[in-house]
PDB file of N, CA and C in Angstrom:
ATOM      1  N   MET A   1      71.498  92.543  82.136  1.00  0.00           N
ATOM      2  CA  MET A   1      72.295  93.303  81.195  1.00  0.00           C
ATOM      3  C   MET A   1      73.756  92.871  81.315  1.00  0.00           C
ATOM      4  N   LYS A   2      74.375  92.567  80.220  1.00  0.00           N
ATOM      5  CA  LYS A   2      75.778  92.153  80.226  1.00  0.00           C
ATOM      6  C   LYS A   2      76.651  93.305  79.764  1.00  0.00           C
ATOM      7  N   THR A   3      77.833  93.390  80.354  1.00  0.00           N
ATOM      8  CA  THR A   3      78.782  94.429  80.003  1.00  0.00           C
ATOM      9  C   THR A   3      80.137  93.797  79.768  1.00  0.00           C
ATOM     10  N   GLN A   4      80.977  94.485  79.056  1.00  0.00           N
ATOM     11  CA  GLN A   4      82.329  94.005  78.858  1.00  0.00           C
ATOM     12  C   GLN A   4      83.260  94.808  79.751  1.00  0.00           C
ATOM     13  N   ILE A   5      84.434  94.240  80.012  1.00  0.00           N
ATOM     14  CA  ILE A   5      85.420  94.938  80.831  1.00  0.00           C
ATOM     15  C   ILE A   5      85.834  96.210  80.098  1.00  0.00           C
ATOM     16  N   ASN A   6      85.868  97.307  80.831  1.00  0.00           N
ATOM     17  CA  ASN A   6      86.320  98.574  80.292  1.00  0.00           C
ATOM     18  C   ASN A   6      87.795  98.464  79.929  1.00  0.00           C
ATOM     19  N   LYS A   7      88.151  98.794  78.727  1.00  0.00           N
ATOM     20  CA  LYS A   7      89.530  98.643  78.248  1.00  0.00           C
ATOM     21  C   LYS A   7      90.500  99.568  78.969  1.00  0.00           C
ATOM     22  N   LYS A   8      90.003 100.630  79.636  1.00  0.00           N
ATOM     23  CA  LYS A   8      90.882 101.549  80.342  1.00  0.00           C
ATOM     24  C   LYS A   8      91.304 101.011  81.700  1.00  0.00           C
ATOM     25  N   THR A   9      90.582 100.025  82.228  1.00  0.00           N
ATOM     26  CA  THR A   9      90.950  99.439  83.510  1.00  0.00           C
ATOM     27  C   THR A   9      91.926  98.307  83.287  1.00  0.00           C
ATOM     28  N   TRP A  10      92.476  97.802  84.386  1.00  0.00           N
ATOM     29  CA  TRP A  10      93.406  96.689  84.300  1.00  0.00           C
ATOM     30  C   TRP A  10      92.696  95.473  83.754  1.00  0.00           C
ATOM     31  N   THR A  11      93.303  94.823  82.778  1.00  0.00           N
ATOM     32  CA  THR A  11      92.756  93.601  82.211  1.00  0.00           C
ATOM     33  C   THR A  11      93.650  92.450  82.633  1.00  0.00           C
ATOM     34  N   PRO A  12      93.097  91.468  83.356  1.00  0.00           N
ATOM     35  CA  PRO A  12      93.920  90.338  83.777  1.00  0.00           C
ATOM     36  C   PRO A  12      94.504  89.602  82.575  1.00  0.00           C
ATOM     37  N   THR A  13      95.628  88.918  82.800  1.00  0.00           N
ATOM     38  CA  THR A  13      96.241  88.153  81.729  1.00  0.00           C
ATOM     39  C   THR A  13      95.316  87.022  81.296  1.00  0.00           C
ATOM     40  N   LYS A  14      95.554  86.473  80.132  1.00  0.00           N
ATOM     41  CA  LYS A  14      94.713  85.394  79.622  1.00  0.00           C
ATOM     42  C   LYS A  14      94.741  84.176  80.526  1.00  0.00           C
ATOM     43  N   GLU A  15      95.825  83.986  81.280  1.00  0.00           N
ATOM     44  CA  GLU A  15      95.892  82.863  82.201  1.00  0.00           C
ATOM     45  C   GLU A  15      95.101  83.144  83.471  1.00  0.00           C
ATOM     46  N   PHE A  16      95.040  84.394  83.889  1.00  0.00           N
ATOM     47  CA  PHE A  16      94.442  84.759  85.164  1.00  0.00           C
ATOM     48  C   PHE A  16      92.921  84.817  85.112  1.00  0.00           C
ATOM     49  N   LEU A  17      92.356  85.381  84.074  1.00  0.00           N
ATOM     50  CA  LEU A  17      90.905  85.540  84.001  1.00  0.00           C
ATOM     51  C   LEU A  17      90.162  84.211  84.026  1.00  0.00           C
ATOM     52  N   PRO A  18      90.566  83.208  83.259  1.00  0.00           N
ATOM     53  CA  PRO A  18      89.863  81.927  83.372  1.00  0.00           C
ATOM     54  C   PRO A  18      89.988  81.316  84.762  1.00  0.00           C
ATOM     55  N   LEU A  19      91.099  81.560  85.425  1.00  0.00           N
ATOM     56  CA  LEU A  19      91.310  81.024  86.762  1.00  0.00           C
ATOM     57  C   LEU A  19      90.298  81.593  87.748  1.00  0.00           C
ATOM     58  N   ILE A  20      90.064  82.892  87.710  1.00  0.00           N
ATOM     59  CA  ILE A  20      89.176  83.489  88.706  1.00  0.00           C
ATOM     60  C   ILE A  20      87.717  83.522  88.288  1.00  0.00           C
ATOM     61  N   LEU A  21      87.457  83.542  86.994  1.00  0.00           N
ATOM     62  CA  LEU A  21      86.068  83.654  86.556  1.00  0.00           C
ATOM     63  C   LEU A  21      85.573  82.477  85.748  1.00  0.00           C
ATOM     64  N   GLY A  22      86.465  81.603  85.325  1.00  0.00           N
ATOM     65  CA  GLY A  22      86.047  80.467  84.522  1.00  0.00           C
ATOM     66  C   GLY A  22      85.609  80.872  83.131  1.00  0.00           C
ATOM     67  N   LYS A  23      86.126  81.997  82.636  1.00  0.00           N
ATOM     68  CA  LYS A  23      85.747  82.477  81.312  1.00  0.00           C
ATOM     69  C   LYS A  23      86.985  82.871  80.529  1.00  0.00           C
ATOM     70  N   GLU A  24      86.847  82.882  79.241  1.00  0.00           N
ATOM     71  CA  GLU A  24      87.921  83.354  78.379  1.00  0.00           C
ATOM     72  C   GLU A  24      87.903  84.875  78.346  1.00  0.00           C
ATOM     73  N   LEU A  25      89.025  85.485  77.963  1.00  0.00           N
ATOM     74  CA  LEU A  25      89.178  86.932  78.005  1.00  0.00           C
ATOM     75  C   LEU A  25      88.145  87.663  77.155  1.00  0.00           C
ATOM     76  N   GLY A  26      87.763  87.130  76.029  1.00  0.00           N
ATOM     77  CA  GLY A  26      86.844  87.818  75.133  1.00  0.00           C
ATOM     78  C   GLY A  26      85.379  87.685  75.507  1.00  0.00           C
ATOM     79  N   GLU A  27      85.047  86.795  76.435  1.00  0.00           N
ATOM     80  CA  GLU A  27      83.652  86.585  76.792  1.00  0.00           C
ATOM     81  C   GLU A  27      83.115  87.760  77.600  1.00  0.00           C
ATOM     82  N   GLU A  28      81.804  87.990  77.467  1.00  0.00           N
ATOM     83  CA  GLU A  28      81.180  89.058  78.225  1.00  0.00           C
ATOM     84  C   GLU A  28      81.034  88.651  79.684  1.00  0.00           C
ATOM     85  N   LEU A  29      81.104  89.637  80.554  1.00  0.00           N
ATOM     86  CA  LEU A  29      80.975  89.399  81.976  1.00  0.00           C
ATOM     87  C   LEU A  29      79.682  90.024  82.489  1.00  0.00           C
ATOM     88  N   GLU A  30      79.068  89.377  83.455  1.00  0.00           N
ATOM     89  CA  GLU A  30      77.885  89.938  84.071  1.00  0.00           C
ATOM     90  C   GLU A  30      78.311  91.042  85.033  1.00  0.00           C
ATOM     91  N   GLU A  31      77.393  91.979  85.303  1.00  0.00           N
ATOM     92  CA  GLU A  31      77.709  93.084  86.199  1.00  0.00           C
ATOM     93  C   GLU A  31      78.147  92.599  87.567  1.00  0.00           C
ATOM     94  N   LYS A  32      77.536  91.523  88.059  1.00  0.00           N
ATOM     95  CA  LYS A  32      77.889  90.979  89.362  1.00  0.00           C
ATOM     96  C   LYS A  32      79.340  90.489  89.360  1.00  0.00           C
ATOM     97  N   GLU A  33      79.767  89.852  88.277  1.00  0.00           N
ATOM     98  CA  GLU A  33      81.148  89.377  88.172  1.00  0.00           C
ATOM     99  C   GLU A  33      82.116  90.549  88.127  1.00  0.00           C
ATOM    100  N   ILE A  34      81.749  91.592  87.396  1.00  0.00           N
ATOM    101  CA  ILE A  34      82.595  92.791  87.309  1.00  0.00           C
ATOM    102  C   ILE A  34      82.704  93.447  88.674  1.00  0.00           C
ATOM    103  N   ALA A  35      81.597  93.520  89.412  1.00  0.00           N
ATOM    104  CA  ALA A  35      81.610  94.116  90.748  1.00  0.00           C
ATOM    105  C   ALA A  35      82.532  93.333  91.680  1.00  0.00           C
ATOM    106  N   LYS A  36      82.489  92.004  91.606  1.00  0.00           N
ATOM    107  CA  LYS A  36      83.365  91.172  92.430  1.00  0.00           C
ATOM    108  C   LYS A  36      84.831  91.400  92.067  1.00  0.00           C
ATOM    109  N   LEU A  37      85.112  91.476  90.773  1.00  0.00           N
ATOM    110  CA  LEU A  37      86.481  91.699  90.321  1.00  0.00           C
ATOM    111  C   LEU A  37      86.986  93.064  90.779  1.00  0.00           C
ATOM    112  N   GLU A  38      86.130  94.086  90.695  1.00  0.00           N
ATOM    113  CA  GLU A  38      86.518  95.423  91.143  1.00  0.00           C
ATOM    114  C   GLU A  38      86.759  95.447  92.649  1.00  0.00           C
ATOM    115  N   LEU A  39      85.918  94.748  93.423  1.00  0.00           N
ATOM    116  CA  LEU A  39      86.100  94.656  94.865  1.00  0.00           C
ATOM    117  C   LEU A  39      87.429  93.968  95.182  1.00  0.00           C
ATOM    118  N   PHE A  40      87.720  92.899  94.481  1.00  0.00           N
ATOM    119  CA  PHE A  40      88.971  92.171  94.631  1.00  0.00           C
ATOM    120  C   PHE A  40      90.162  93.089  94.364  1.00  0.00           C
ATOM    121  N   GLU A  41      90.113  93.822  93.267  1.00  0.00           N
ATOM    122  CA  GLU A  41      91.211  94.715  92.896  1.00  0.00           C
ATOM    123  C   GLU A  41      91.392  95.845  93.909  1.00  0.00           C
ATOM    124  N   ARG A  42      90.290  96.453  94.374  1.00  0.00           N
ATOM    125  CA  ARG A  42      90.390  97.526  95.377  1.00  0.00           C
ATOM    126  C   ARG A  42      90.988  96.992  96.678  1.00  0.00           C
ATOM    127  N   GLY A  43      90.551  95.808  97.070  1.00  0.00           N
ATOM    128  CA  GLY A  43      91.101  95.206  98.286  1.00  0.00           C
ATOM    129  C   GLY A  43      92.589  94.944  98.171  1.00  0.00           C
ATOM    130  N   LEU A  44      93.004  94.443  97.030  1.00  0.00           N
ATOM    131  CA  LEU A  44      94.435  94.181  96.825  1.00  0.00           C
ATOM    132  C   LEU A  44      95.236  95.475  96.839  1.00  0.00           C
ATOM    133  N   ALA A  45      94.714  96.504  96.196  1.00  0.00           N
ATOM    134  CA  ALA A  45      95.417  97.786  96.156  1.00  0.00           C
ATOM    135  C   ALA A  45      95.606  98.355  97.565  1.00  0.00           C
ATOM    136  N   ASN A  46      94.646  98.095  98.450  1.00  0.00           N
ATOM    137  CA  ASN A  46      94.747  98.591  99.823  1.00  0.00           C
ATOM    138  C   ASN A  46      95.630  97.718 100.708  1.00  0.00           C
ATOM    139  N   GLU A  47      95.657  96.424 100.470  1.00  0.00           N
ATOM    140  CA  GLU A  47      96.310  95.482 101.384  1.00  0.00           C
ATOM    141  C   GLU A  47      97.730  95.085 101.003  1.00  0.00           C
ATOM    142  N   LEU A  48      98.000  94.926  99.711  1.00  0.00           N
ATOM    143  CA  LEU A  48      99.322  94.430  99.312  1.00  0.00           C
ATOM    144  C   LEU A  48     100.392  95.498  99.478  1.00  0.00           C
ATOM    145  N   ASN A  49     101.521  95.071 100.014  1.00  0.00           N
ATOM    146  CA  ASN A  49     102.634  95.971 100.257  1.00  0.00           C
ATOM    147  C   ASN A  49     103.890  95.343  99.667  1.00  0.00           C
ATOM    148  N   LYS A  50     104.735  96.145  99.084  1.00  0.00           N
ATOM    149  CA  LYS A  50     105.959  95.626  98.468  1.00  0.00           C
ATOM    150  C   LYS A  50     106.892  94.980  99.490  1.00  0.00           C
ATOM    151  N   ASN A  51     106.708  95.267 100.759  1.00  0.00           N
ATOM    152  CA  ASN A  51     107.547  94.665 101.808  1.00  0.00           C
ATOM    153  C   ASN A  51     107.027  93.312 102.278  1.00  0.00           C
ATOM    154  N   ASP A  52     105.866  92.887 101.820  1.00  0.00           N
ATOM    155  CA  ASP A  52     105.314  91.577 102.175  1.00  0.00           C
ATOM    156  C   ASP A  52     106.189  90.472 101.595  1.00  0.00           C
ATOM    157  N   THR A  53     106.285  89.378 102.330  1.00  0.00           N
ATOM    158  CA  THR A  53     106.930  88.198 101.754  1.00  0.00           C
ATOM    159  C   THR A  53     105.982  87.635 100.697  1.00  0.00           C
ATOM    160  N   ILE A  54     106.487  86.737  99.878  1.00  0.00           N
ATOM    161  CA  ILE A  54     105.644  86.127  98.854  1.00  0.00           C
ATOM    162  C   ILE A  54     104.473  85.390  99.512  1.00  0.00           C
ATOM    163  N   GLU A  55     104.753  84.664 100.574  1.00  0.00           N
ATOM    164  CA  GLU A  55     103.695  83.925 101.247  1.00  0.00           C
ATOM    165  C   GLU A  55     102.647  84.862 101.863  1.00  0.00           C
ATOM    166  N   GLN A  56     103.083  85.963 102.470  1.00  0.00           N
ATOM    167  CA  GLN A  56     102.135  86.939 103.018  1.00  0.00           C
ATOM    168  C   GLN A  56     101.267  87.540 101.910  1.00  0.00           C
ATOM    169  N   ALA A  57     101.900  87.891 100.798  1.00  0.00           N
ATOM    170  CA  ALA A  57     101.165  88.493  99.692  1.00  0.00           C
ATOM    171  C   ALA A  57     100.141  87.513  99.111  1.00  0.00           C
ATOM    172  N   ILE A  58     100.527  86.262  98.950  1.00  0.00           N
ATOM    173  CA  ILE A  58      99.599  85.270  98.410  1.00  0.00           C
ATOM    174  C   ILE A  58      98.451  85.033  99.385  1.00  0.00           C
ATOM    175  N   ALA A  59      98.733  85.014 100.680  1.00  0.00           N
ATOM    176  CA  ALA A  59      97.668  84.868 101.672  1.00  0.00           C
ATOM    177  C   ALA A  59      96.681  86.029 101.573  1.00  0.00           C
ATOM    178  N   LYS A  60      97.189  87.236 101.347  1.00  0.00           N
ATOM    179  CA  LYS A  60      96.308  88.398 101.184  1.00  0.00           C
ATOM    180  C   LYS A  60      95.466  88.271  99.919  1.00  0.00           C
ATOM    181  N   ILE A  61      96.053  87.766  98.847  1.00  0.00           N
ATOM    182  CA  ILE A  61      95.306  87.550  97.604  1.00  0.00           C
ATOM    183  C   ILE A  61      94.177  86.550  97.846  1.00  0.00           C
ATOM    184  N   VAL A  62      94.497  85.464  98.547  1.00  0.00           N
ATOM    185  CA  VAL A  62      93.498  84.438  98.848  1.00  0.00           C
ATOM    186  C   VAL A  62      92.362  85.039  99.676  1.00  0.00           C
ATOM    187  N   LYS A  63      92.713  85.799 100.716  1.00  0.00           N
ATOM    188  CA  LYS A  63      91.695  86.428 101.560  1.00  0.00           C
ATOM    189  C   LYS A  63      90.798  87.358 100.746  1.00  0.00           C
ATOM    190  N   MET A  64      91.404  88.172  99.892  1.00  0.00           N
ATOM    191  CA  MET A  64      90.614  89.109  99.072  1.00  0.00           C
ATOM    192  C   MET A  64      89.711  88.362  98.097  1.00  0.00           C
ATOM    193  N   ALA A  65      90.216  87.295  97.516  1.00  0.00           N
ATOM    194  CA  ALA A  65      89.406  86.512  96.579  1.00  0.00           C
ATOM    195  C   ALA A  65      88.209  85.891  97.295  1.00  0.00           C
ATOM    196  N   LEU A  66      88.440  85.327  98.473  1.00  0.00           N
ATOM    197  CA  LEU A  66      87.351  84.734  99.243  1.00  0.00           C
ATOM    198  C   LEU A  66      86.344  85.785  99.689  1.00  0.00           C
ATOM    199  N   ALA A  67      86.852  86.934 100.130  1.00  0.00           N
ATOM    200  CA  ALA A  67      85.961  88.008 100.564  1.00  0.00           C
ATOM    201  C   ALA A  67      85.129  88.544  99.406  1.00  0.00           C
ATOM    202  N   ALA A  68      85.748  88.696  98.245  1.00  0.00           N
ATOM    203  CA  ALA A  68      85.018  89.211  97.083  1.00  0.00           C
ATOM    204  C   ALA A  68      83.959  88.217  96.603  1.00  0.00           C
ATOM    205  N   GLU A  69      84.284  86.943  96.664  1.00  0.00           N
ATOM    206  CA  GLU A  69      83.368  85.920  96.158  1.00  0.00           C
ATOM    207  C   GLU A  69      82.284  85.546  97.166  1.00  0.00           C
ATOM    208  N   PHE A  70      82.670  85.395  98.439  1.00  0.00           N
ATOM    209  CA  PHE A  70      81.736  84.855  99.430  1.00  0.00           C
ATOM    210  C   PHE A  70      81.397  85.814 100.563  1.00  0.00           C
ATOM    211  N   GLY A  71      82.056  86.950 100.641  1.00  0.00           N
ATOM    212  CA  GLY A  71      81.784  87.921 101.689  1.00  0.00           C
ATOM    213  C   GLY A  71      82.854  87.914 102.765  1.00  0.00           C
ATOM    214  N   ALA A  72      82.997  89.063 103.404  1.00  0.00           N
ATOM    215  CA  ALA A  72      84.022  89.226 104.431  1.00  0.00           C
ATOM    216  C   ALA A  72      83.760  88.348 105.649  1.00  0.00           C
ATOM    217  N   SER A  73      82.515  87.989 105.893  1.00  0.00           N
ATOM    218  CA  SER A  73      82.200  87.172 107.064  1.00  0.00           C
ATOM    219  C   SER A  73      82.843  85.785 106.969  1.00  0.00           C
ATOM    220  N   LEU A  74      82.997  85.260 105.767  1.00  0.00           N
ATOM    221  CA  LEU A  74      83.661  83.959 105.613  1.00  0.00           C
ATOM    222  C   LEU A  74      85.121  84.061 106.034  1.00  0.00           C
ATOM    223  N   VAL A  75      85.793  85.112 105.597  1.00  0.00           N
ATOM    224  CA  VAL A  75      87.213  85.290 105.916  1.00  0.00           C
ATOM    225  C   VAL A  75      87.403  85.502 107.415  1.00  0.00           C
ATOM    226  N   ALA A  76      86.428  86.131 108.066  1.00  0.00           N
ATOM    227  CA  ALA A  76      86.522  86.404 109.501  1.00  0.00           C
ATOM    228  C   ALA A  76      86.108  85.213 110.365  1.00  0.00           C
ATOM    229  N   SER A  77      85.532  84.186 109.773  1.00  0.00           N
ATOM    230  CA  SER A  77      85.051  83.041 110.553  1.00  0.00           C
ATOM    231  C   SER A  77      86.212  82.244 111.147  1.00  0.00           C
ATOM    232  N   ARG A  78      85.892  81.439 112.153  1.00  0.00           N
ATOM    233  CA  ARG A  78      86.918  80.685 112.878  1.00  0.00           C
ATOM    234  C   ARG A  78      87.679  79.704 111.999  1.00  0.00           C
ATOM    235  N   GLY A  79      87.022  79.033 111.111  1.00  0.00           N
ATOM    236  CA  GLY A  79      87.672  78.006 110.304  1.00  0.00           C
ATOM    237  C   GLY A  79      88.406  78.527 109.085  1.00  0.00           C
ATOM    238  N   ALA A  80      88.325  79.815 108.832  1.00  0.00           N
ATOM    239  CA  ALA A  80      88.910  80.367 107.612  1.00  0.00           C
ATOM    240  C   ALA A  80      90.431  80.334 107.602  1.00  0.00           C
ATOM    241  N   LYS A  81      91.058  80.462 108.748  1.00  0.00           N
ATOM    242  CA  LYS A  81      92.521  80.523 108.793  1.00  0.00           C
ATOM    243  C   LYS A  81      93.153  79.277 108.178  1.00  0.00           C
ATOM    244  N   GLY A  82      92.668  78.108 108.551  1.00  0.00           N
ATOM    245  CA  GLY A  82      93.206  76.875 107.994  1.00  0.00           C
ATOM    246  C   GLY A  82      92.968  76.756 106.499  1.00  0.00           C
ATOM    247  N   MET A  83      91.782  77.179 106.062  1.00  0.00           N
ATOM    248  CA  MET A  83      91.463  77.142 104.637  1.00  0.00           C
ATOM    249  C   MET A  83      92.391  78.080 103.861  1.00  0.00           C
ATOM    250  N   ILE A  84      92.604  79.283 104.379  1.00  0.00           N
ATOM    251  CA  ILE A  84      93.477  80.251 103.714  1.00  0.00           C
ATOM    252  C   ILE A  84      94.905  79.725 103.652  1.00  0.00           C
ATOM    253  N   GLU A  85      95.383  79.129 104.750  1.00  0.00           N
ATOM    254  CA  GLU A  85      96.731  78.561 104.764  1.00  0.00           C
ATOM    255  C   GLU A  85      96.878  77.418 103.765  1.00  0.00           C
ATOM    256  N   THR A  86      95.857  76.579 103.655  1.00  0.00           N
ATOM    257  CA  THR A  86      95.900  75.449 102.718  1.00  0.00           C
ATOM    258  C   THR A  86      95.921  75.939 101.271  1.00  0.00           C
ATOM    259  N   ILE A  87      95.085  76.901 100.962  1.00  0.00           N
ATOM    260  CA  ILE A  87      95.057  77.453  99.599  1.00  0.00           C
ATOM    261  C   ILE A  87      96.374  78.148  99.290  1.00  0.00           C
ATOM    262  N   THR A  88      96.893  78.895 100.251  1.00  0.00           N
ATOM    263  CA  THR A  88      98.175  79.589 100.058  1.00  0.00           C
ATOM    264  C   THR A  88      99.298  78.594  99.787  1.00  0.00           C
ATOM    265  N   ARG A  89      99.359  77.512 100.560  1.00  0.00           N
ATOM    266  CA  ARG A  89     100.377  76.474 100.319  1.00  0.00           C
ATOM    267  C   ARG A  89     100.210  75.850  98.939  1.00  0.00           C
ATOM    268  N   GLY A  90      98.979  75.642  98.522  1.00  0.00           N
ATOM    269  CA  GLY A  90      98.725  75.088  97.189  1.00  0.00           C
ATOM    270  C   GLY A  90      99.242  75.991  96.090  1.00  0.00           C
ATOM    271  N   ILE A  91      99.025  77.282  96.237  1.00  0.00           N
ATOM    272  CA  ILE A  91      99.518  78.248  95.244  1.00  0.00           C
ATOM    273  C   ILE A  91     101.039  78.301  95.275  1.00  0.00           C
ATOM    274  N   MET A  92     101.607  78.315  96.467  1.00  0.00           N
ATOM    275  CA  MET A  92     103.068  78.364  96.600  1.00  0.00           C
ATOM    276  C   MET A  92     103.725  77.124  95.991  1.00  0.00           C
ATOM    277  N   GLY A  93     103.052  75.997  96.043  1.00  0.00           N
ATOM    278  CA  GLY A  93     103.611  74.752  95.541  1.00  0.00           C
ATOM    279  C   GLY A  93     103.442  74.514  94.050  1.00  0.00           C
ATOM    280  N   ASP A  94     102.691  75.372  93.374  1.00  0.00           N
ATOM    281  CA  ASP A  94     102.450  75.218  91.939  1.00  0.00           C
ATOM    282  C   ASP A  94     103.090  76.391  91.205  1.00  0.00           C
ATOM    283  N   SER A  95     104.049  76.102  90.349  1.00  0.00           N
ATOM    284  CA  SER A  95     104.822  77.177  89.702  1.00  0.00           C
ATOM    285  C   SER A  95     103.955  78.110  88.863  1.00  0.00           C
ATOM    286  N   GLN A  96     102.968  77.583  88.151  1.00  0.00           N
ATOM    287  CA  GLN A  96     102.117  78.418  87.311  1.00  0.00           C
ATOM    288  C   GLN A  96     101.242  79.347  88.167  1.00  0.00           C
ATOM    289  N   LEU A  97     100.651  78.806  89.220  1.00  0.00           N
ATOM    290  CA  LEU A  97      99.820  79.632  90.109  1.00  0.00           C
ATOM    291  C   LEU A  97     100.669  80.667  90.845  1.00  0.00           C
ATOM    292  N   ARG A  98     101.861  80.266  91.261  1.00  0.00           N
ATOM    293  CA  ARG A  98     102.769  81.202  91.938  1.00  0.00           C
ATOM    294  C   ARG A  98     103.150  82.343  91.000  1.00  0.00           C
ATOM    295  N   LYS A  99     103.421  82.017  89.751  1.00  0.00           N
ATOM    296  CA  LYS A  99     103.769  83.041  88.754  1.00  0.00           C
ATOM    297  C   LYS A  99     102.603  84.018  88.580  1.00  0.00           C
ATOM    298  N   GLN A 100     101.374  83.502  88.482  1.00  0.00           N
ATOM    299  CA  GLN A 100     100.202  84.360  88.337  1.00  0.00           C
ATOM    300  C   GLN A 100     100.010  85.242  89.563  1.00  0.00           C
ATOM    301  N   ALA A 101     100.247  84.675  90.745  1.00  0.00           N
ATOM    302  CA  ALA A 101     100.123  85.456  91.975  1.00  0.00           C
ATOM    303  C   ALA A 101     101.157  86.582  92.007  1.00  0.00           C
ATOM    304  N   LEU A 102     102.363  86.299  91.548  1.00  0.00           N
ATOM    305  CA  LEU A 102     103.402  87.331  91.532  1.00  0.00           C
ATOM    306  C   LEU A 102     103.073  88.443  90.546  1.00  0.00           C
ATOM    307  N   ILE A 103     102.412  88.114  89.452  1.00  0.00           N
ATOM    308  CA  ILE A 103     101.957  89.135  88.504  1.00  0.00           C
ATOM    309  C   ILE A 103     100.949  90.053  89.193  1.00  0.00           C
ATOM    310  N   ILE A 104     100.056  89.463  89.954  1.00  0.00           N
ATOM    311  CA  ILE A 104      99.060  90.244  90.684  1.00  0.00           C
ATOM    312  C   ILE A 104      99.747  91.129  91.728  1.00  0.00           C
ATOM    313  N   VAL A 105     100.689  90.558  92.462  1.00  0.00           N
ATOM    314  CA  VAL A 105     101.421  91.334  93.471  1.00  0.00           C
ATOM    315  C   VAL A 105     102.136  92.510  92.812  1.00  0.00           C
ATOM    316  N   ASP A 106     102.794  92.256  91.711  1.00  0.00           N
ATOM    317  CA  ASP A 106     103.507  93.311  91.003  1.00  0.00           C
ATOM    318  C   ASP A 106     102.568  94.431  90.568  1.00  0.00           C
ATOM    319  N   ARG A 107     101.374  94.070  90.167  1.00  0.00           N
ATOM    320  CA  ARG A 107     100.391  95.051  89.689  1.00  0.00           C
ATOM    321  C   ARG A 107      99.805  95.891  90.813  1.00  0.00           C
ATOM    322  N   PHE A 108      99.547  95.290  91.974  1.00  0.00           N
ATOM    323  CA  PHE A 108      98.774  95.966  93.014  1.00  0.00           C
ATOM    324  C   PHE A 108      99.546  96.391  94.258  1.00  0.00           C
ATOM    325  N   ALA A 109     100.746  95.896  94.480  1.00  0.00           N
ATOM    326  CA  ALA A 109     101.468  96.232  95.706  1.00  0.00           C
ATOM    327  C   ALA A 109     101.918  97.685  95.692  1.00  0.00           C
ATOM    328  N   HIS A 110     101.833  98.293  96.849  1.00  0.00           N
ATOM    329  CA  HIS A 110     102.275  99.679  96.993  1.00  0.00           C
ATOM    330  C   HIS A 110     103.456  99.729  97.956  1.00  0.00           C
ATOM    331  N   ALA A 111     104.179 100.811  97.913  1.00  0.00           N
ATOM    332  CA  ALA A 111     105.385 100.948  98.755  1.00  0.00           C
ATOM    333  C   ALA A 111     105.048 101.262 100.186  1.00  0.00           C
TER     334      ALA A 111
END
């Protein structure tokens, strides 16, 4: 059964949704994809803090994305730290990805 994103919830920007799901904004999402996105959003709401540096916040986004997609055990594994640091540096070094990450931080960070 396919469902569409509920219009009352946060809808990612047109640049962000294809990045995380590989789909355009108007396409239908499977329940499993919606569950992953909701898990990602809940994790960000709990973890992101307005006092985080940009690099700390992006690292948290990367961790939440990996945990939502592949499970928390991947993030907790020994080799994950280097992978998270590499992805974080990649995002920090690309202006478009950094801008998208800052939009996410602005949306989910709490005081």
